[in-house]
Protein backbone atom coordinates (compact mmCIF):
# COMPACT_ATOMS: atom_id res chain seq x y z
CA MET A 1 5.32 -26.10 -2.70
CA SER A 2 4.55 -25.60 -6.45
CA THR A 3 7.19 -24.51 -8.97
CA PHE A 4 7.15 -22.67 -12.10
CA GLN A 5 7.88 -25.89 -13.98
CA ASP A 6 4.99 -27.52 -12.46
CA ILE A 7 2.63 -24.90 -13.78
CA THR A 8 4.18 -24.85 -17.28
CA ALA A 9 4.04 -28.54 -17.46
CA VAL A 10 0.24 -28.29 -17.29
CA ALA A 11 -0.26 -24.96 -19.16
CA PRO A 12 2.51 -24.56 -21.88
CA LEU A 13 3.60 -21.03 -22.57
CA HIS A 14 2.89 -19.33 -25.67
CA PRO A 15 6.39 -17.82 -26.88
CA ILE A 16 5.24 -14.36 -26.32
CA CYS A 17 4.76 -14.87 -22.67
CA PHE A 18 8.61 -15.22 -22.01
CA CYS A 19 9.40 -11.59 -22.76
CA ARG A 20 6.64 -9.10 -22.25
CA PRO A 21 8.04 -5.72 -21.86
CA MET A 22 5.02 -3.99 -23.30
CA LEU A 23 2.68 -5.80 -21.04
CA ASN A 24 5.01 -4.96 -17.95
CA ALA A 25 4.86 -1.34 -18.91
CA ALA A 26 1.03 -1.35 -19.30
CA ILE A 27 0.66 -3.13 -15.98
CA LEU A 28 2.89 -0.39 -14.20
CA ALA A 29 1.09 2.27 -15.93
CA THR A 30 -2.35 0.96 -14.78
CA VAL A 31 -0.92 0.58 -11.12
CA THR A 32 0.24 4.26 -11.28
CA LEU A 33 -2.95 5.43 -12.96
CA ALA A 34 -4.97 3.74 -10.12
CA GLY A 35 -2.73 5.29 -7.39
CA ALA A 36 -3.33 8.67 -8.91
CA ILE A 37 -7.13 8.23 -8.77
CA LEU A 38 -6.86 6.99 -5.16
CA ILE A 39 -4.77 9.81 -3.99
CA TRP A 40 -6.79 12.53 -6.09
CA PRO A 41 -8.12 14.91 -3.54
CA ARG A 42 -11.73 14.61 -4.78
CA VAL A 43 -11.56 10.91 -4.05
CA ALA A 44 -9.22 10.77 -0.93
CA ASN A 45 -11.19 13.41 0.76
CA SER A 46 -14.64 12.02 -0.02
CA ILE A 47 -16.36 11.13 2.99
CA VAL A 48 -18.07 8.14 1.36
CA TRP A 49 -14.83 6.73 0.08
CA ARG A 50 -13.12 7.20 3.27
CA ALA A 51 -16.00 5.27 5.00
CA THR A 52 -15.95 2.66 2.27
CA ILE A 53 -12.26 2.03 2.19
CA THR A 54 -12.09 0.32 5.66
CA PRO A 55 -14.56 -2.47 4.94
CA LEU A 56 -13.57 -2.71 1.27
CA ALA A 57 -9.69 -3.23 2.46
CA SER A 58 -10.95 -5.94 4.71
CA ILE A 59 -12.97 -7.74 2.38
CA ILE A 60 -10.41 -7.70 -0.47
CA GLY A 61 -7.55 -8.72 1.70
CA SER A 62 -5.75 -12.05 2.30
CA GLY A 63 -8.65 -14.08 0.61
CA PHE A 64 -8.24 -12.44 -2.73
CA LEU A 65 -4.83 -13.95 -3.12
CA VAL A 66 -5.57 -17.50 -2.02
CA LEU A 67 -9.16 -17.78 -3.22
CA GLY A 68 -8.67 -17.95 -7.16
CA PRO A 69 -6.56 -20.94 -7.04
CA ILE A 70 -8.64 -22.86 -4.56
CA LEU A 71 -11.88 -22.30 -6.48
CA ASP A 72 -10.22 -23.09 -9.71
CA VAL A 73 -8.83 -26.51 -8.57
CA SER A 74 -11.84 -27.51 -6.35
CA TYR A 75 -14.79 -26.29 -8.48
CA GLY A 76 -13.35 -26.24 -12.04
CA GLY A 77 -15.46 -24.40 -14.62
CA TYR A 78 -18.22 -23.71 -11.81
CA ALA A 79 -15.73 -21.50 -9.74
CA PRO A 80 -17.38 -18.26 -10.74
CA LEU A 81 -21.00 -19.55 -9.69
CA VAL A 82 -19.41 -20.51 -6.37
CA MET A 83 -17.73 -16.96 -5.98
CA VAL A 84 -21.29 -15.48 -6.66
CA GLY A 85 -22.55 -17.70 -4.08
CA LEU A 86 -20.02 -16.63 -1.58
CA CYS A 87 -20.74 -12.99 -2.17
CA MET A 88 -24.50 -13.62 -1.93
CA VAL A 89 -24.15 -15.18 1.50
CA ALA A 90 -21.93 -12.37 2.75
CA TYR A 91 -24.41 -9.88 1.60
CA LEU A 92 -27.17 -11.57 3.50
CA PHE A 93 -25.02 -11.45 6.49
CA GLY A 94 -24.18 -7.85 5.97
CA SER A 95 -28.04 -6.98 5.55
CA ALA A 96 -28.53 -8.33 9.12
CA ILE A 97 -25.77 -6.19 10.47
CA ARG A 98 -26.87 -3.23 8.46
CA PHE A 99 -30.56 -3.64 9.91
CA ASN A 100 -29.00 -3.67 13.42
CA ILE A 101 -26.93 -0.33 12.89
CA ALA A 102 -30.17 1.28 11.67
CA ASP A 103 -32.44 -0.13 14.32
CA ILE A 104 -29.89 0.60 17.20
CA GLU A 105 -29.89 4.50 16.03
CA THR A 106 -33.78 4.55 15.94
CA ARG A 107 -34.38 2.29 19.20
CA PRO A 108 -31.25 2.08 21.17
CA ALA A 109 -32.85 0.51 23.97
CA ALA A 110 -32.32 -3.19 24.16
CA SER A 111 -33.47 -6.13 25.99
CA ARG A 112 -31.58 -8.45 28.25
CA LEU A 113 -31.70 -11.28 25.59
CA THR A 114 -30.25 -8.93 22.88
CA ASP A 115 -27.64 -7.61 25.36
CA GLY A 116 -26.66 -11.14 26.14
CA LEU A 117 -26.41 -12.05 22.53
CA GLU A 118 -24.16 -8.98 21.77
CA THR A 119 -21.90 -9.99 24.56
CA MET A 120 -21.64 -13.46 23.12
CA ALA A 121 -21.10 -11.87 19.66
CA SER A 122 -18.06 -9.85 21.03
CA ILE A 123 -16.68 -13.07 22.69
CA VAL A 124 -17.02 -14.97 19.32
CA LEU A 125 -15.39 -11.98 17.45
CA VAL A 126 -12.37 -11.98 19.91
CA PHE A 127 -11.60 -15.56 18.84
CA ALA A 128 -12.34 -14.73 15.17
CA PHE A 129 -9.91 -12.01 15.33
CA ILE A 130 -7.21 -14.24 17.07
CA VAL A 131 -7.57 -16.80 14.39
CA SER A 132 -7.70 -14.24 11.61
CA VAL A 133 -4.30 -12.73 12.72
CA ALA A 134 -2.74 -16.20 12.38
CA TYR A 135 -4.35 -16.34 8.99
CA TYR A 136 -2.86 -13.11 7.85
CA LEU A 137 0.51 -13.62 9.31
CA ASN A 138 0.81 -17.37 7.91
CA LEU A 139 0.10 -15.74 4.57
CA PHE A 140 2.67 -13.09 5.30
CA GLY A 141 5.19 -15.75 5.99
CA ALA A 142 4.49 -17.97 2.97
CA PHE A 143 4.70 -14.88 0.59
CA GLY A 144 7.74 -13.46 2.39
CA VAL A 145 9.69 -16.57 1.39
CA SER A 146 7.97 -17.27 -1.83
CA LEU A 147 10.39 -15.61 -4.14
CA THR A 148 13.62 -16.79 -2.24
CA GLU A 149 15.78 -19.85 -1.99
CA LEU A 150 14.12 -20.52 1.52
CA ASP A 151 10.62 -21.20 -0.11
CA ASP A 152 9.48 -23.96 2.25
CA GLN A 153 7.01 -24.55 5.06
CA PHE A 154 9.55 -24.39 7.71
CA HIS A 155 11.12 -21.10 6.87
CA ALA A 156 7.59 -19.68 6.19
CA LYS A 157 6.51 -20.52 9.71
CA LEU A 158 9.76 -19.13 11.09
CA LEU A 159 9.16 -15.86 9.37
CA THR A 160 5.52 -15.97 10.67
CA THR A 161 6.71 -16.52 14.25
CA ALA A 162 9.27 -13.79 13.98
CA VAL A 163 6.67 -11.32 13.02
CA PHE A 164 4.29 -12.57 15.87
CA THR A 165 7.24 -11.73 18.09
CA LEU A 166 7.62 -8.14 16.65
CA ILE A 167 4.04 -7.49 17.15
CA LEU A 168 4.00 -8.69 20.68
CA PHE A 169 7.16 -6.63 21.48
CA THR A 170 5.50 -3.42 19.74
CA GLY A 171 2.35 -3.95 21.57
CA LEU A 172 3.97 -4.37 25.07
CA THR A 173 6.50 -1.50 24.62
CA ARG A 174 5.24 1.07 22.36
CA GLY A 175 1.59 0.36 21.25
CA PHE A 176 0.35 0.14 17.78
CA SER A 177 -0.22 3.76 16.79
CA ALA A 178 3.06 4.02 14.66
CA LEU A 179 2.38 0.80 12.68
CA GLU A 180 -1.26 1.71 12.34
CA ARG A 181 -0.16 4.75 10.03
CA MET A 182 0.77 2.22 7.39
CA GLU A 183 -2.82 0.98 7.11
CA GLN A 184 -4.08 3.79 4.57
CA VAL A 185 -0.79 3.40 2.58
CA SER A 186 -1.24 -0.45 2.33
CA VAL A 187 -4.97 -0.13 1.39
CA CYS A 188 -4.10 2.05 -1.64
CA LEU A 189 -1.11 -0.19 -2.53
CA LYS A 190 -3.15 -3.04 -2.54
CA LEU A 191 -6.04 -1.73 -4.83
CA MET A 192 -3.44 -0.37 -7.26
CA ILE A 193 -1.68 -3.92 -7.68
CA ILE A 194 -5.14 -5.43 -8.05
CA ALA A 195 -5.96 -3.11 -11.00
CA GLY A 196 -2.64 -4.22 -12.48
CA LEU A 197 -3.34 -7.73 -11.79
CA LEU A 198 -6.67 -7.61 -13.72
CA LEU A 199 -5.21 -5.90 -16.47
CA GLY A 200 -2.57 -8.74 -16.94
CA LEU A 201 -5.35 -11.29 -16.65
CA MET A 202 -7.59 -9.46 -19.22
CA VAL A 203 -4.60 -9.80 -21.78
CA HIS A 204 -3.81 -13.45 -20.95
CA PHE A 205 -7.63 -14.08 -21.19
CA GLY A 206 -7.76 -12.47 -24.61
CA GLU A 207 -4.64 -14.46 -25.89
CA ALA A 208 -6.15 -17.62 -24.56
CA THR A 209 -9.38 -16.92 -26.49
CA GLY A 210 -7.47 -16.21 -29.65
CA ARG A 211 -5.47 -19.53 -29.52
CA GLY A 212 -8.88 -21.26 -28.69
CA ALA A 213 -7.24 -22.46 -25.56
CA LEU A 214 -10.09 -21.42 -23.08
CA GLN A 215 -11.28 -24.52 -21.08
CA PHE A 216 -14.01 -25.57 -18.70
CA ASP A 217 -12.32 -28.09 -16.08
CA ALA A 218 -14.57 -30.63 -14.25
CA PRO A 219 -14.91 -30.03 -10.67
CA ARG A 220 -12.78 -32.12 -8.22
CA VAL A 221 -15.14 -31.36 -5.37
CA THR A 222 -18.92 -32.23 -5.59
CA GLY A 223 -22.01 -32.83 -3.67
CA TRP A 224 -22.20 -32.24 0.18
CA ALA A 225 -18.27 -31.79 0.23
CA SER A 226 -18.63 -28.86 -2.22
CA LEU A 227 -21.02 -27.11 -0.02
CA THR A 228 -18.93 -27.69 3.23
CA LEU A 229 -15.82 -26.43 1.50
CA MET A 230 -17.64 -23.45 0.34
CA ALA A 231 -18.72 -22.94 4.00
CA GLY A 232 -15.12 -23.08 4.96
CA LEU A 233 -14.26 -20.18 2.72
CA ILE A 234 -16.56 -17.61 4.05
CA VAL A 235 -13.68 -15.67 5.67
CA THR A 236 -12.26 -14.82 2.28
CA VAL A 237 -15.20 -12.48 1.71
CA GLN A 238 -15.40 -11.33 5.40
CA GLY A 239 -14.69 -7.75 6.50
CA PHE A 240 -17.78 -5.85 5.77
CA GLU A 241 -18.75 -5.88 9.42
CA THR A 242 -15.98 -3.36 10.30
CA SER A 243 -18.41 -0.86 9.20
CA ARG A 244 -20.55 -1.44 12.21
CA TYR A 245 -17.63 -0.42 14.57
CA LEU A 246 -17.18 3.05 12.91
CA GLY A 247 -19.75 4.66 14.86
CA SER A 248 -17.40 7.33 16.49
CA THR A 249 -16.35 8.58 13.18
CA TYR A 250 -19.42 8.00 10.92
CA ASP A 251 -23.21 8.08 11.44
CA ALA A 252 -25.41 5.27 10.82
CA ARG A 253 -26.61 6.19 7.26
CA MET A 254 -22.95 6.51 6.17
CA ARG A 255 -21.97 3.23 7.71
CA ILE A 256 -24.72 1.27 6.10
CA GLN A 257 -23.86 3.04 2.73
CA SER A 258 -20.20 2.35 3.12
CA MET A 259 -20.84 -1.47 3.92
CA GLN A 260 -23.09 -1.64 0.84
CA LEU A 261 -20.72 0.02 -1.48
CA ALA A 262 -17.72 -2.11 -0.20
CA GLN A 263 -19.72 -5.34 -0.82
CA TRP A 264 -20.82 -4.45 -4.30
CA ILE A 265 -17.41 -3.34 -5.24
CA SER A 266 -15.71 -6.36 -3.97
CA THR A 267 -18.25 -8.71 -5.47
CA VAL A 268 -17.51 -7.18 -9.07
CA ILE A 269 -13.70 -7.31 -8.54
CA TYR A 270 -13.88 -10.88 -7.26
CA CYS A 271 -16.19 -12.24 -9.93
CA ILE A 272 -14.16 -10.63 -12.85
CA TYR A 273 -11.06 -12.05 -11.17
CA ILE A 274 -12.40 -15.60 -10.88
CA VAL A 275 -13.74 -15.71 -14.40
CA LEU A 276 -10.43 -14.54 -15.83
CA LEU A 277 -8.43 -17.08 -13.93
CA THR A 278 -10.78 -20.15 -14.13
CA TYR A 279 -11.02 -20.38 -17.93
CA ALA A 280 -7.57 -19.25 -18.99
CA PHE A 281 -5.55 -21.73 -16.81
CA GLU A 282 -5.72 -25.49 -16.43
CA SER A 283 -6.19 -26.29 -12.86
CA ASP A 284 -3.46 -28.55 -11.16
CA PRO A 285 -4.46 -29.97 -7.73
CA LEU A 286 -0.57 -30.71 -7.23
CA SER A 287 0.31 -27.10 -7.29
CA LEU A 288 -2.30 -25.81 -4.91
CA ASP A 289 -0.74 -24.11 -2.00
CA GLU A 290 -1.15 -20.52 -0.45
CA THR A 291 1.28 -18.99 -2.91
CA ALA A 292 -0.23 -20.79 -6.00
CA ILE A 293 -1.05 -17.46 -7.43
CA ILE A 294 2.53 -16.38 -7.72
CA ASP A 295 3.28 -19.15 -9.84
CA LEU A 296 0.32 -18.60 -12.08
CA MET A 297 1.04 -15.03 -12.57
CA GLN A 298 4.60 -15.88 -13.82
CA ILE A 299 2.84 -16.91 -17.05
CA VAL A 300 1.00 -13.81 -17.45
CA ALA A 301 3.81 -11.32 -16.89
CA PRO A 302 7.31 -11.35 -15.15
CA ILE A 303 6.41 -8.08 -13.19
CA LEU A 304 3.22 -9.62 -11.46
CA PRO A 305 4.77 -12.04 -9.04
CA LEU A 306 6.82 -9.25 -7.38
CA LEU A 307 3.80 -6.77 -7.25
CA LEU A 308 1.78 -9.50 -5.62
CA VAL A 309 4.28 -10.19 -3.07
CA VAL A 310 4.61 -6.60 -2.14
CA ALA A 311 0.72 -6.36 -1.98
CA ALA A 312 0.61 -9.52 0.08
CA LEU A 313 3.17 -8.40 2.62
CA SER A 314 1.78 -4.83 3.03
CA ALA A 315 -1.81 -6.11 3.39
CA GLN A 316 -1.30 -8.99 5.72
CA PHE A 317 0.98 -7.02 7.97
CA SER A 318 -1.38 -4.00 8.52
CA ALA A 319 -4.30 -6.35 8.73
CA ALA A 320 -2.64 -8.24 11.53
CA ILE A 321 -1.80 -5.08 13.31
CA ALA A 322 -5.53 -3.79 12.92
CA ASP A 323 -7.00 -7.01 14.27
CA THR A 324 -4.50 -7.36 16.98
CA SER A 325 -5.16 -3.95 18.36
CA GLY A 326 -9.05 -4.36 17.89
CA SER A 327 -9.04 -7.60 19.60
CA GLY A 328 -6.85 -6.50 22.53
CA GLY A 329 -9.37 -3.61 23.20
CA LEU A 330 -12.36 -5.95 22.69
CA ILE A 331 -11.00 -8.60 25.22
CA THR A 332 -10.42 -6.02 27.85
CA GLU A 333 -14.06 -4.69 27.19
CA VAL A 334 -15.62 -8.05 27.32
CA SER A 335 -13.58 -9.01 30.52
CA LYS A 336 -14.66 -5.67 32.03
CA GLY A 337 -11.10 -4.82 32.56
CA ALA A 338 -9.96 -8.09 34.25
CA ILE A 339 -7.72 -8.79 31.27
CA LYS A 340 -5.40 -5.88 30.26
CA GLU A 341 -4.59 -5.20 26.78
CA ARG A 342 -0.96 -6.10 27.09
CA VAL A 343 -2.07 -9.53 28.59
CA ALA A 344 -4.52 -9.93 25.73
CA TYR A 345 -1.80 -9.27 23.18
CA ALA A 346 0.28 -12.01 24.71
CA LEU A 347 -2.56 -14.38 24.65
CA LEU A 348 -3.25 -13.60 21.04
CA VAL A 349 0.51 -14.10 19.98
CA GLY A 350 0.72 -17.48 21.99
CA ILE A 351 -2.38 -18.87 20.35
CA GLY A 352 -1.22 -17.54 17.07
CA VAL A 353 1.97 -19.18 17.27
CA LEU A 354 0.51 -22.40 18.42
CA LEU A 355 -1.76 -22.48 15.24
CA THR A 356 1.26 -21.67 13.06
CA TRP A 357 3.15 -24.77 14.02
CA THR A 358 0.17 -27.11 14.49
CA ALA A 359 -2.19 -26.38 11.53
CA ASN A 360 -1.71 -25.58 7.89
CA ILE A 361 -3.15 -22.27 6.26
CA PHE A 362 -6.19 -23.95 4.83
CA GLU A 363 -7.17 -25.36 8.29
CA ILE A 364 -6.64 -21.92 9.71
CA ILE A 365 -8.79 -20.43 6.98
CA SER A 366 -11.62 -22.98 7.91
CA TYR A 367 -11.25 -22.25 11.70
CA ALA A 368 -11.69 -18.37 10.97
CA SER A 369 -14.50 -18.80 8.61
CA ARG A 370 -16.33 -20.87 11.15
CA ALA A 371 -15.74 -18.37 13.98
CA PHE A 372 -16.93 -15.33 11.68
CA ALA A 373 -19.82 -17.42 10.56
CA LEU A 374 -20.84 -17.79 14.23
CA TYR A 375 -20.49 -14.13 14.83
CA TYR A 376 -22.58 -13.39 11.83
CA ALA A 377 -25.36 -16.01 13.04
CA LEU A 378 -25.39 -14.07 16.53
CA GLN A 379 -25.79 -10.80 14.55
CA ALA A 380 -28.54 -12.25 12.44
CA GLY A 381 -30.26 -13.55 15.52
CA ILE A 382 -30.19 -10.12 17.14
CA ALA A 383 -31.58 -8.57 13.89
CA ALA A 384 -34.33 -11.15 13.93
CA ILE A 385 -35.27 -10.32 17.44
CA ARG A 386 -35.36 -6.66 16.86
CA ALA A 387 -37.20 -7.07 13.67
CA TRP A 388 -39.85 -9.16 15.41
CA ARG A 389 -40.28 -6.52 18.08
CA GLY A 390 -40.66 -3.79 15.58
CA ASN A 391 -43.36 -5.88 13.69
CA HIS A 392 -41.15 -6.39 10.68
CA LEU A 393 -42.29 -10.08 10.51
CA ALA A 394 -40.84 -10.74 6.99
CA LYS A 395 -37.51 -9.34 7.86
CA ALA A 396 -37.49 -11.41 11.21
CA THR A 397 -38.20 -14.45 9.33
CA LEU A 398 -35.26 -13.61 6.81
CA PHE A 399 -32.90 -12.83 9.59
CA GLY A 400 -33.79 -15.82 11.40
CA GLY A 401 -32.93 -18.02 8.37
CA VAL A 402 -29.66 -16.15 7.86
CA ALA A 403 -28.92 -17.09 11.53
CA LEU A 404 -29.57 -20.74 10.97
CA LEU A 405 -27.30 -20.47 7.94
CA GLY A 406 -24.47 -18.98 9.98
CA VAL A 407 -24.69 -21.87 12.38
CA ALA A 408 -24.65 -24.46 9.75
CA ILE A 409 -21.50 -22.77 8.14
CA ALA A 410 -19.74 -22.83 11.75
CA VAL A 411 -20.66 -26.38 12.34
CA PHE A 412 -20.06 -28.10 8.80
CA GLY A 413 -17.41 -25.79 7.27
CA THR A 414 -14.26 -27.70 6.13
CA PRO A 415 -10.71 -26.91 4.92
CA VAL A 416 -9.26 -27.38 1.63
CA GLU A 417 -7.71 -30.93 1.44
């Protein structure tokens, strides 16, 4: 694991960074202001915002915390371009799913082929959910011990296993309704803290600019390896597809609008974040781990590491609960009731614990990316068939290409080394 000394050795601190009560106060004020806006009745009760917050929370989730250091170390000064590329690929996948939402609304009758592909997509999504829960909870474990004396892989995995056990016990005995109530709170908390983080990074970026300390690091991953690594990171911008499954709450038009809005908002936030991080810090491959962002933010402001840990714990736990609950129902649906939800929960936890102790977080991210890419490929394939049958030949060609892209990502995606 990286240490504060590791980071300061490669990025010497300006004296003003050691004691920053004014910046701490400004960050807390920004967090508070963001919270006030989010709970303002005109925002909180807005149908558009309520429909948008579910996919937005899924997109700006775990990936936000790990993606910055990964892109900075791997791609150097080109990290913002890679971020734009990831968001563009995600938007293409989203366009296929949005087409399906609209087409199903106008032409609900499906063919046996599209029905079969939908079943396959559901099965793949189950696997993606299972891996993503392991991804969320391994990040939970890593961030949970990051500010303690037990900051090592063993204790992080131990904490992850304990949370898996808690989730299994809850699912088997009480269900997830009580735990799911915290999802709305955690979403607002995460967005509030991200606002504070961006303010801190802007101040740090301004100081680095004033000192002439901005830098453009050379990429450490190039050529084919850079493309396969990018493919292995698609899960960090995944989550927009949740709008597709909100049909019982919102109509097709609102689900399409909410998905687009969530993807545009997350793209703006991600790109600003990556630009501020890439050029104001010197990348250090020896410091790259799942909690590297904590060490970097100690340089910016003392309050940020604690805030990020709070955001990480709440976000990972609520996301894990949501995906566990969703996968349990999906497994029961796909198996036509042969596998009950309680058995599904046990299956999910068993696979999750196995992944926790046999794979590192970057491998789990790659597995999740490839699973979601395959799901997106199937959805794009369905969109291509529906577009072809609706005589939308240009869209059919586009979605066919998107489907091939999803298959390529699923096959060639690789983890961070």
